[in-house]
């Protein structure tokens, strides 16, 4: 877990730290799927991770006012698990310091963009960052089902597990 701390946006910082932690646990769990016995579960998990990575790379470009790197949020040719791990880890490593460096005014400022389906979009930077946290949670849940089908260990990846592990003093009686 990254120890990067921001005192300016504590809830956003915790949410991004949580996302990084939960993504790592999911990637490690997917790596435990027996590819010979459960190829469809592994393929599904990789497809979900690929979608997560592509959406994160699209939103990073949007947040930075750069050209979008993808014309779709998924594709038929899915990278290896190692490549997906590298890209998702790189995205998480970028998100924390990016968010921490934003002033409250920058967080509240809207970004305008076009979704890959051609529809216009507008979110505050804070909403875009929250979308990435929430989007990842949704797809990790789908991956959890694939882990269950593949009889692979499914990590506990809820926010409460994360925050109590990160801050064990929260377990102390009131």
Protein backbone atom coordinates (compact mmCIF):
# COMPACT_ATOMS: atom_id res chain seq x y z
CA UNK A 1 0.00 0.00 0.00
CA UNK A 2 1.31 3.41 -0.93
CA UNK A 3 2.05 5.61 2.07
CA UNK A 4 1.43 8.85 0.17
CA UNK A 5 -0.63 11.16 2.38
CA UNK A 6 -2.61 14.25 1.57
CA UNK A 7 -3.99 16.37 4.36
CA UNK A 8 -5.86 18.61 1.91
CA UNK A 9 -8.40 15.99 0.81
CA UNK A 10 -8.48 13.24 3.46
CA UNK A 11 -11.55 11.32 2.20
CA UNK A 12 -10.42 11.42 -1.42
CA UNK A 13 -6.92 10.39 -0.35
CA UNK A 14 -8.33 7.44 1.61
CA UNK A 15 -10.58 6.43 -1.28
CA UNK A 16 -7.65 6.42 -3.71
CA UNK A 17 -5.44 4.54 -1.23
CA UNK A 18 -8.30 2.04 -0.83
CA UNK A 19 -8.58 1.62 -4.61
CA UNK A 20 -4.85 0.95 -4.89
CA UNK A 21 -5.01 -1.60 -2.07
CA UNK A 22 -8.10 -3.36 -3.42
CA UNK A 23 -6.75 -3.46 -6.98
CA UNK A 24 -3.50 -5.02 -5.72
CA UNK A 25 -5.41 -7.70 -3.80
CA UNK A 26 -7.54 -8.45 -6.86
CA UNK A 27 -4.56 -8.67 -9.20
CA UNK A 28 -2.82 -11.03 -6.80
CA UNK A 29 -5.94 -13.19 -6.52
CA UNK A 30 -6.44 -13.37 -10.29
CA UNK A 31 -2.83 -14.54 -10.61
CA UNK A 32 -3.84 -17.56 -8.51
CA UNK A 33 -6.47 -18.80 -10.99
CA UNK A 34 -5.51 -22.16 -12.46
CA UNK A 35 -5.47 -21.31 -16.18
CA UNK A 36 -5.63 -24.96 -17.23
CA UNK A 37 -8.70 -25.82 -15.16
CA UNK A 38 -10.53 -22.49 -15.36
CA UNK A 39 -9.58 -20.72 -18.62
CA UNK A 40 -12.94 -18.94 -18.96
CA UNK A 41 -12.74 -17.50 -15.44
CA UNK A 42 -9.23 -16.21 -16.10
CA UNK A 43 -10.27 -14.80 -19.48
CA UNK A 44 -13.24 -13.02 -17.89
CA UNK A 45 -11.10 -11.58 -15.08
CA UNK A 46 -8.52 -10.33 -17.60
CA UNK A 47 -11.25 -8.76 -19.73
CA UNK A 48 -12.62 -6.93 -16.68
CA UNK A 49 -9.13 -5.74 -15.71
CA UNK A 50 -8.53 -4.60 -19.29
CA UNK A 51 -11.73 -2.56 -19.21
CA UNK A 52 -10.73 -1.03 -15.86
CA UNK A 53 -7.29 -0.08 -17.18
CA UNK A 54 -8.61 1.43 -20.41
CA UNK A 55 -11.19 3.54 -18.55
CA UNK A 56 -8.49 4.76 -16.15
CA UNK A 57 -6.21 5.66 -19.04
CA UNK A 58 -9.08 7.50 -20.75
CA UNK A 59 -9.88 9.49 -17.61
CA UNK A 60 -6.22 10.27 -16.98
CA UNK A 61 -6.03 11.80 -20.46
CA UNK A 62 -9.23 13.74 -19.78
CA UNK A 63 -7.95 15.03 -16.44
CA UNK A 64 -4.73 16.17 -18.12
CA UNK A 65 -6.47 17.61 -21.22
CA UNK A 66 -4.58 15.17 -23.43
CA UNK A 67 -5.64 13.17 -26.46
CA UNK A 68 -7.53 10.06 -25.51
CA UNK A 69 -5.43 6.90 -25.87
CA UNK A 70 -8.30 4.54 -26.74
CA UNK A 71 -11.33 4.60 -29.05
CA UNK A 72 -13.18 2.06 -26.90
CA UNK A 73 -13.34 0.88 -23.31
CA UNK A 74 -12.41 -2.68 -24.21
CA UNK A 75 -11.08 -4.73 -27.09
CA UNK A 76 -10.99 -8.33 -28.23
CA UNK A 77 -7.22 -8.73 -27.85
CA UNK A 78 -6.68 -8.60 -24.08
CA UNK A 79 -3.14 -8.05 -22.76
CA UNK A 80 -1.43 -10.54 -20.50
CA UNK A 81 -2.14 -10.40 -16.80
CA UNK A 82 1.41 -9.10 -16.27
CA UNK A 83 0.76 -6.18 -18.65
CA UNK A 84 -2.59 -5.41 -17.03
CA UNK A 85 -0.92 -5.49 -13.60
CA UNK A 86 1.78 -3.09 -14.79
CA UNK A 87 -0.71 -0.62 -16.28
CA UNK A 88 -3.19 -0.70 -13.39
CA UNK A 89 -0.36 -0.30 -10.87
CA UNK A 90 1.00 2.65 -12.88
CA UNK A 91 -2.43 4.25 -12.90
CA UNK A 92 -2.75 3.89 -9.13
CA UNK A 93 0.76 5.26 -8.61
CA UNK A 94 -0.21 8.34 -10.63
CA UNK A 95 -3.63 8.96 -9.05
CA UNK A 96 -2.56 9.64 -5.45
CA UNK A 97 0.01 12.38 -6.07
CA UNK A 98 -2.12 13.89 -8.85
CA UNK A 99 -5.14 14.25 -6.56
CA UNK A 100 -3.06 15.47 -3.63
CA UNK A 101 -1.54 18.25 -5.73
CA UNK A 102 -4.94 19.71 -6.66
CA UNK A 103 -6.28 22.73 -4.83
CA UNK A 104 -9.93 22.69 -3.74
CA UNK A 105 -10.68 24.98 -6.68
CA UNK A 106 -8.96 22.61 -9.13
CA UNK A 107 -10.84 19.64 -7.67
CA UNK A 108 -14.15 21.45 -8.12
CA UNK A 109 -13.36 22.62 -11.67
CA UNK A 110 -15.22 20.86 -14.45
CA UNK A 111 -13.60 18.89 -17.19
CA UNK A 112 -15.46 18.59 -20.47
CA UNK A 113 -14.89 15.53 -22.65
CA UNK A 114 -16.49 13.16 -25.08
CA UNK A 115 -17.23 9.57 -24.07
CA UNK A 116 -16.11 6.89 -26.52
CA UNK A 117 -19.76 6.46 -27.59
CA UNK A 118 -19.71 10.06 -28.82
CA UNK A 119 -21.81 11.58 -26.03
CA UNK A 120 -20.62 14.70 -24.26
CA UNK A 121 -19.57 14.51 -20.65
CA UNK A 122 -18.77 16.95 -17.87
CA UNK A 123 -17.55 16.13 -14.38
CA UNK A 124 -15.61 17.96 -11.75
CA UNK A 125 -12.10 16.59 -11.30
CA UNK A 126 -13.21 15.27 -7.92
CA UNK A 127 -16.17 13.47 -9.52
CA UNK A 128 -13.90 11.97 -12.18
CA UNK A 129 -11.56 10.66 -9.48
CA UNK A 130 -14.49 9.29 -7.50
CA UNK A 131 -15.76 7.63 -10.68
CA UNK A 132 -12.49 5.71 -10.94
CA UNK A 133 -12.80 4.49 -7.34
CA UNK A 134 -16.42 3.48 -7.84
CA UNK A 135 -15.85 1.96 -11.30
CA UNK A 136 -13.06 -0.23 -9.99
CA UNK A 137 -15.24 -1.43 -7.10
CA UNK A 138 -17.95 -2.54 -9.52
CA UNK A 139 -15.56 -4.52 -11.72
CA UNK A 140 -13.65 -6.05 -8.81
CA UNK A 141 -17.02 -7.44 -7.69
CA UNK A 142 -17.48 -9.08 -11.09
CA UNK A 143 -13.95 -10.46 -10.88
CA UNK A 144 -14.82 -11.84 -7.44
CA UNK A 145 -17.48 -14.00 -9.06
CA UNK A 146 -14.90 -15.31 -11.55
CA UNK A 147 -12.59 -16.10 -8.61
CA UNK A 148 -15.41 -18.02 -6.94
CA UNK A 149 -16.07 -20.03 -10.11
CA UNK A 150 -12.35 -20.80 -10.40
CA UNK A 151 -12.19 -21.89 -6.75
CA UNK A 152 -9.50 -19.26 -6.18
CA UNK A 153 -9.20 -17.31 -2.91
CA UNK A 154 -11.36 -14.21 -3.00
CA UNK A 155 -9.78 -11.35 -1.06
CA UNK A 156 -11.78 -9.27 1.36
CA UNK A 157 -11.58 -5.90 -0.35
CA UNK A 158 -14.12 -3.65 1.32
CA UNK A 159 -13.31 -0.15 2.53
CA UNK A 160 -13.85 -1.17 6.16
CA UNK A 161 -11.28 -3.98 5.91
CA UNK A 162 -8.85 -1.56 4.27
CA UNK A 163 -9.23 1.33 6.70
CA UNK A 164 -9.00 -0.88 9.79
CA UNK A 165 -5.85 -2.52 8.43
CA UNK A 166 -4.36 0.88 7.54
CA UNK A 167 -5.39 2.44 10.85
CA UNK A 168 -5.56 -0.36 13.45
CA UNK A 169 -6.27 2.14 16.22
CA UNK A 170 -9.82 2.31 14.84
CA UNK A 171 -10.37 -1.14 16.36
CA UNK A 172 -9.91 0.27 19.86
CA UNK A 173 -13.08 0.58 21.97
CA UNK A 174 -14.66 4.02 22.13
